[in-house]
Amino acid sequence: MTALTTALRDPAEGLSAHVGLRQTVAQTMTLAWRATMKMRRNFEQMFDVTIQPLLFTAMFAGIFGGAISGSVGDYLPVIIPGLVGQTVMTACVATGVQLREDMDKGVFDRFKVLPIARIAPLAGPMVADTLRYAIAGTLTFVTGIAMGYRPGGGVLGVLGAILLGIVAGWSLAWIFTWFGTVGRSAQGVQGISLMVMFPLTFLSNAFVPTSTMPGWLRAFADVNPVSHVISAMRGLANDGTITADLGWALLGFAVIIAVFAPLSVRRFSRKM
């Protein structure tokens, strides 16, 4: 039985005990399981990673394929990795919104008297969200293959691209988690998150080559971490190659986590 489960049965037990790394991991996984159960009972929370990939893949490929690449088939190697990045970013927004909703409903009031690591209520749902990112990436590639996409990187390349999308989602989710801790309401958190999410996804190379953009816009798109992630996905899925963009993407993830993870935990601890 995990330390968290024991504490729920007896809140007074171990209040003064130090929470070690092993207990922190166990408590994080317990809260990840809780978040997974919420997904199962409220399937509408999964629409952004189940229905959206199917809809967006068919819609964007049909609308932009002929104009950008000459045909839908030629556009699929461009748009499929781009849509994986866009869908994962959309799923990240839900992380902060759901956190704010739980805080507003008093879910964390019980945790205040428990001897649990303060990072566990944050990290648990984020671990569970990696399942959502995996579903989004898989369905996007499956939809693309059904439309005629044939990834040159083979199975390993596609799996590598999906894994990179999962890592990207987990890393970028720290930004929206911080929004969830500082926002005053779930609606406010969603509004702020969308204002950040849309520029990061649309002002990138997700849908069109950056060479077609004005100079000032191209300069932003080229340094946008999302552009590096998507370029790395294209290299893995389309060619089975590891490019320099993968290194830049991982560096960007490290910077984001180093900045926003401590900010999120510190802000959350104040509320706990």
Protein backbone atom coordinates (compact mmCIF):
# COMPACT_ATOMS: atom_id res chain seq x y z
CA MET A 1 0.00 0.00 0.00
CA THR A 2 1.40 3.38 -0.94
CA ALA A 3 2.24 6.07 1.56
CA LEU A 4 -0.50 8.24 0.09
CA THR A 5 -3.14 5.55 0.55
CA THR A 6 -2.02 4.96 4.13
CA ALA A 7 -2.17 8.66 4.85
CA LEU A 8 -5.68 8.88 3.46
CA ARG A 9 -6.77 6.23 5.95
CA ASP A 10 -4.90 7.84 8.85
CA PRO A 11 -4.07 11.52 8.23
CA ALA A 12 -2.22 11.81 11.54
CA GLU A 13 0.21 9.03 10.72
CA GLY A 14 3.69 10.19 9.72
CA LEU A 15 2.94 13.91 9.56
CA SER A 16 6.40 14.72 10.78
CA ALA A 17 8.14 12.12 8.64
CA HIS A 18 10.41 13.23 5.84
CA VAL A 19 9.11 12.33 2.39
CA GLY A 20 11.89 10.52 0.57
CA LEU A 21 12.43 10.03 -3.13
CA ARG A 22 10.88 6.56 -3.15
CA GLN A 23 7.75 7.81 -1.38
CA THR A 24 7.55 10.81 -3.70
CA VAL A 25 7.59 8.54 -6.76
CA ALA A 26 4.97 6.22 -5.20
CA GLN A 27 2.70 9.14 -4.33
CA THR A 28 3.14 10.64 -7.79
CA MET A 29 2.12 7.36 -9.43
CA THR A 30 -0.89 7.05 -7.10
CA LEU A 31 -2.10 10.48 -8.14
CA ALA A 32 -1.34 9.63 -11.77
CA TRP A 33 -3.65 6.63 -11.41
CA ARG A 34 -6.30 8.91 -9.93
CA ALA A 35 -6.03 11.20 -12.96
CA THR A 36 -6.28 8.21 -15.28
CA MET A 37 -9.48 7.11 -13.56
CA LYS A 38 -10.91 10.60 -14.10
CA MET A 39 -10.20 10.27 -17.81
CA ARG A 40 -12.02 6.93 -17.97
CA ARG A 41 -15.08 8.29 -16.18
CA ASN A 42 -15.18 11.56 -18.13
CA PHE A 43 -14.38 10.53 -21.67
CA GLU A 44 -15.15 14.01 -22.98
CA GLN A 45 -11.80 15.03 -21.49
CA MET A 46 -10.23 12.84 -24.17
CA PHE A 47 -11.92 14.51 -27.15
CA ASP A 48 -8.91 16.77 -27.78
CA VAL A 49 -6.65 13.73 -28.27
CA THR A 50 -9.13 11.36 -29.94
CA ILE A 51 -11.57 13.30 -32.14
CA GLN A 52 -9.35 16.31 -32.83
CA PRO A 53 -6.48 14.39 -34.50
CA LEU A 54 -8.91 12.70 -36.88
CA LEU A 55 -10.72 15.93 -37.71
CA PHE A 56 -7.66 18.17 -38.02
CA THR A 57 -5.68 15.71 -40.13
CA ALA A 58 -8.46 15.37 -42.71
CA MET A 59 -9.33 19.07 -42.63
CA PHE A 60 -5.84 20.62 -42.83
CA ALA A 61 -4.60 18.12 -45.39
CA GLY A 62 -7.61 18.74 -47.62
CA ILE A 63 -7.53 22.52 -47.30
CA PHE A 64 -3.81 23.25 -47.55
CA GLY A 65 -2.45 20.21 -49.39
CA GLY A 66 -3.00 21.43 -52.94
CA ALA A 67 -2.04 25.03 -52.24
CA ILE A 68 1.23 24.30 -50.40
CA SER A 69 2.56 21.03 -51.80
CA GLY A 70 0.52 20.54 -54.97
CA SER A 71 -1.44 17.56 -53.66
CA VAL A 72 -2.70 16.07 -50.44
CA GLY A 73 -0.32 13.10 -50.76
CA ASP A 74 2.75 15.35 -51.05
CA TYR A 75 1.56 17.47 -48.11
CA LEU A 76 1.07 14.59 -45.67
CA PRO A 77 4.80 14.21 -44.79
CA VAL A 78 4.75 17.90 -43.86
CA ILE A 79 1.46 18.14 -42.01
CA ILE A 80 1.39 14.87 -40.04
CA PRO A 81 4.38 15.67 -37.76
CA GLY A 82 3.12 19.25 -37.57
CA LEU A 83 -0.29 18.12 -36.39
CA VAL A 84 1.28 15.85 -33.78
CA GLY A 85 3.01 18.90 -32.31
CA GLN A 86 -0.14 21.01 -32.55
CA THR A 87 -2.36 18.35 -30.94
CA VAL A 88 0.10 17.75 -28.11
CA MET A 89 0.23 21.49 -27.43
CA THR A 90 -3.56 21.62 -27.27
CA ALA A 91 -3.55 18.72 -24.82
CA CYS A 92 -1.03 20.58 -22.66
CA VAL A 93 -3.52 23.41 -22.15
CA ALA A 94 -5.91 21.01 -20.44
CA THR A 95 -3.26 20.21 -17.81
CA GLY A 96 -3.33 23.71 -16.33
CA VAL A 97 -7.09 24.08 -16.69
CA GLN A 98 -7.83 20.82 -14.89
CA LEU A 99 -5.35 21.69 -12.16
CA ARG A 100 -7.12 24.99 -11.57
CA GLU A 101 -10.50 23.25 -11.50
CA ASP A 102 -9.28 20.78 -8.87
CA MET A 103 -7.92 23.62 -6.78
CA ASP A 104 -11.18 25.55 -7.04
CA LYS A 105 -13.23 22.50 -6.05
CA GLY A 106 -11.18 21.95 -2.90
CA VAL A 107 -9.68 18.65 -4.05
CA PHE A 108 -6.30 19.66 -2.66
CA ASP A 109 -7.62 20.73 0.74
CA ARG A 110 -7.36 17.11 1.84
CA PHE A 111 -3.76 16.93 0.66
CA LYS A 112 -2.75 19.82 2.92
CA VAL A 113 -2.89 17.62 6.02
CA LEU A 114 -1.23 14.61 4.42
CA PRO A 115 2.49 13.78 4.67
CA ILE A 116 2.98 13.79 0.92
CA ALA A 117 5.50 15.46 -1.33
CA ARG A 118 4.23 18.81 -2.53
CA ILE A 119 5.27 18.03 -6.10
CA ALA A 120 3.16 14.83 -6.22
CA PRO A 121 -0.23 16.52 -6.88
CA LEU A 122 1.40 18.38 -9.77
CA ALA A 123 3.51 15.60 -11.22
CA GLY A 124 0.83 12.89 -10.91
CA PRO A 125 -1.65 14.35 -13.43
CA MET A 126 1.25 15.26 -15.72
CA VAL A 127 2.43 11.65 -15.75
CA ALA A 128 -1.13 10.55 -16.58
CA ASP A 129 -1.24 13.09 -19.41
CA THR A 130 1.61 11.31 -21.19
CA LEU A 131 -1.01 8.69 -22.06
CA ARG A 132 -3.08 11.40 -23.74
CA TYR A 133 -0.07 12.59 -25.75
CA ALA A 134 0.63 9.02 -26.87
CA ILE A 135 -2.97 8.58 -28.02
CA ALA A 136 -2.89 11.89 -29.91
CA GLY A 137 0.36 11.08 -31.71
CA THR A 138 -0.69 7.55 -32.59
CA LEU A 139 -4.10 8.53 -33.95
CA THR A 140 -2.59 11.34 -36.03
CA PHE A 141 -0.12 8.98 -37.70
CA VAL A 142 -2.80 6.30 -38.17
CA THR A 143 -5.11 8.83 -39.83
CA GLY A 144 -2.30 10.03 -42.09
CA ILE A 145 -1.43 6.47 -43.12
CA ALA A 146 -5.09 5.84 -43.91
CA MET A 147 -5.00 8.89 -46.19
CA GLY A 148 -1.92 7.65 -48.04
CA TYR A 149 1.01 8.80 -45.90
CA ARG A 150 3.95 6.40 -46.03
CA PRO A 151 6.61 7.33 -43.46
CA GLY A 152 10.07 6.57 -44.80
CA GLY A 153 11.42 6.13 -41.28
CA GLY A 154 9.40 2.98 -40.82
CA VAL A 155 7.98 1.75 -37.53
CA LEU A 156 11.02 2.83 -35.48
CA GLY A 157 10.98 6.30 -36.98
CA VAL A 158 7.29 6.76 -36.24
CA LEU A 159 7.70 5.44 -32.69
CA GLY A 160 10.62 7.84 -32.20
CA ALA A 161 8.50 10.75 -33.42
CA ILE A 162 5.63 9.81 -31.09
CA LEU A 163 8.05 9.47 -28.17
CA LEU A 164 9.48 12.89 -28.93
CA GLY A 165 5.93 14.26 -28.98
CA ILE A 166 5.28 12.76 -25.54
CA VAL A 167 8.48 14.29 -24.14
CA ALA A 168 7.56 17.62 -25.73
CA GLY A 169 4.09 17.53 -24.22
CA TRP A 170 5.36 16.69 -20.74
CA SER A 171 7.97 19.44 -20.89
CA LEU A 172 5.74 22.17 -22.32
CA ALA A 173 2.96 21.26 -19.88
CA TRP A 174 5.03 22.85 -17.10
CA ILE A 175 4.27 26.25 -18.67
CA PHE A 176 0.52 25.65 -18.49
CA THR A 177 0.81 24.07 -15.06
CA TRP A 178 2.31 27.32 -13.83
CA PHE A 179 -0.60 29.18 -15.42
CA GLY A 180 -2.91 26.86 -13.47
CA THR A 181 -1.27 27.80 -10.18
CA VAL A 182 -1.34 31.58 -10.77
CA GLY A 183 -4.71 31.90 -12.55
CA ARG A 184 -7.80 32.91 -10.61
CA SER A 185 -10.22 30.65 -12.46
CA ALA A 186 -10.23 27.77 -14.92
CA GLN A 187 -11.65 30.05 -17.62
CA GLY A 188 -8.87 32.55 -17.05
CA VAL A 189 -6.21 29.85 -17.19
CA GLN A 190 -7.65 28.56 -20.45
CA GLY A 191 -7.68 32.04 -21.99
CA ILE A 192 -4.07 32.74 -21.05
CA SER A 193 -2.96 29.30 -22.18
CA LEU A 194 -4.59 29.66 -25.60
CA MET A 195 -2.89 33.03 -26.12
CA VAL A 196 0.44 31.26 -25.64
CA MET A 197 -0.44 28.02 -27.43
CA PHE A 198 -1.67 29.53 -30.71
CA PRO A 199 1.43 31.67 -31.45
CA LEU A 200 3.75 28.78 -30.56
CA THR A 201 1.98 26.38 -32.94
CA PHE A 202 0.89 28.60 -35.83
CA LEU A 203 4.03 30.77 -35.86
CA SER A 204 6.16 27.72 -36.53
CA ASN A 205 6.92 25.37 -39.40
CA ALA A 206 4.04 23.08 -38.45
CA PHE A 207 1.84 23.92 -41.44
CA VAL A 208 3.98 25.84 -43.95
CA PRO A 209 7.72 26.19 -44.67
CA THR A 210 9.23 29.16 -42.83
CA SER A 211 10.84 30.26 -46.12
CA THR A 212 7.42 31.54 -47.24
CA MET A 213 7.10 33.89 -44.25
CA PRO A 214 8.16 37.56 -43.99
CA GLY A 215 11.67 38.02 -42.64
CA TRP A 216 10.70 39.14 -39.13
CA LEU A 217 8.18 36.33 -38.78
CA ARG A 218 10.58 33.74 -40.14
CA ALA A 219 13.17 34.81 -37.55
CA PHE A 220 10.72 33.98 -34.76
CA ALA A 221 9.52 30.75 -36.36
CA ASP A 222 13.08 29.48 -36.85
CA VAL A 223 13.94 29.84 -33.14
CA ASN A 224 10.54 28.68 -31.94
CA PRO A 225 11.08 25.46 -29.89
CA VAL A 226 7.99 23.97 -31.52
CA SER A 227 9.64 24.33 -34.95
CA HIS A 228 12.65 22.36 -33.76
CA VAL A 229 10.41 19.65 -32.31
CA ILE A 230 8.44 19.30 -35.53
CA SER A 231 11.56 19.31 -37.71
CA ALA A 232 13.03 16.57 -35.53
CA MET A 233 9.78 14.59 -35.86
CA ARG A 234 9.89 14.92 -39.64
CA GLY A 235 13.45 13.67 -39.71
CA LEU A 236 12.55 10.64 -37.61
CA ALA A 237 9.23 9.76 -39.27
CA ASN A 238 9.96 10.67 -42.90
CA ASP A 239 13.62 9.67 -43.20
CA GLY A 240 14.50 7.73 -40.06
CA THR A 241 17.29 10.24 -39.31
CA ILE A 242 18.32 12.11 -36.18
CA THR A 243 18.93 15.76 -37.00
CA ALA A 244 20.41 18.69 -35.11
CA ASP A 245 16.85 19.86 -34.44
CA LEU A 246 16.49 17.00 -31.96
CA GLY A 247 19.36 18.41 -29.91
CA TRP A 248 17.91 21.91 -30.01
CA ALA A 249 14.50 20.55 -29.03
CA LEU A 250 15.92 18.66 -26.04
CA LEU A 251 17.84 21.77 -24.99
CA GLY A 252 14.63 23.79 -25.19
CA PHE A 253 12.82 21.20 -23.05
CA ALA A 254 15.56 21.39 -20.43
CA VAL A 255 15.32 25.19 -20.26
CA ILE A 256 11.52 25.12 -19.98
CA ILE A 257 11.59 22.53 -17.19
CA ALA A 258 14.39 24.35 -15.36
CA VAL A 259 12.39 27.58 -15.38
CA PHE A 260 8.75 26.57 -15.03
CA ALA A 261 8.94 23.44 -12.87
CA PRO A 262 10.39 25.31 -9.86
CA LEU A 263 7.99 28.21 -10.44
CA SER A 264 5.02 25.82 -10.52
CA VAL A 265 6.08 23.88 -7.43
CA ARG A 266 6.85 27.05 -5.44
CA ARG A 267 3.53 28.66 -6.31
CA PHE A 268 1.65 25.44 -5.69
CA SER A 269 3.36 24.91 -2.33
CA ARG A 270 2.16 28.32 -1.18
CA LYS A 271 -1.40 27.30 -1.93
CA MET A 272 -0.93 23.90 -0.27
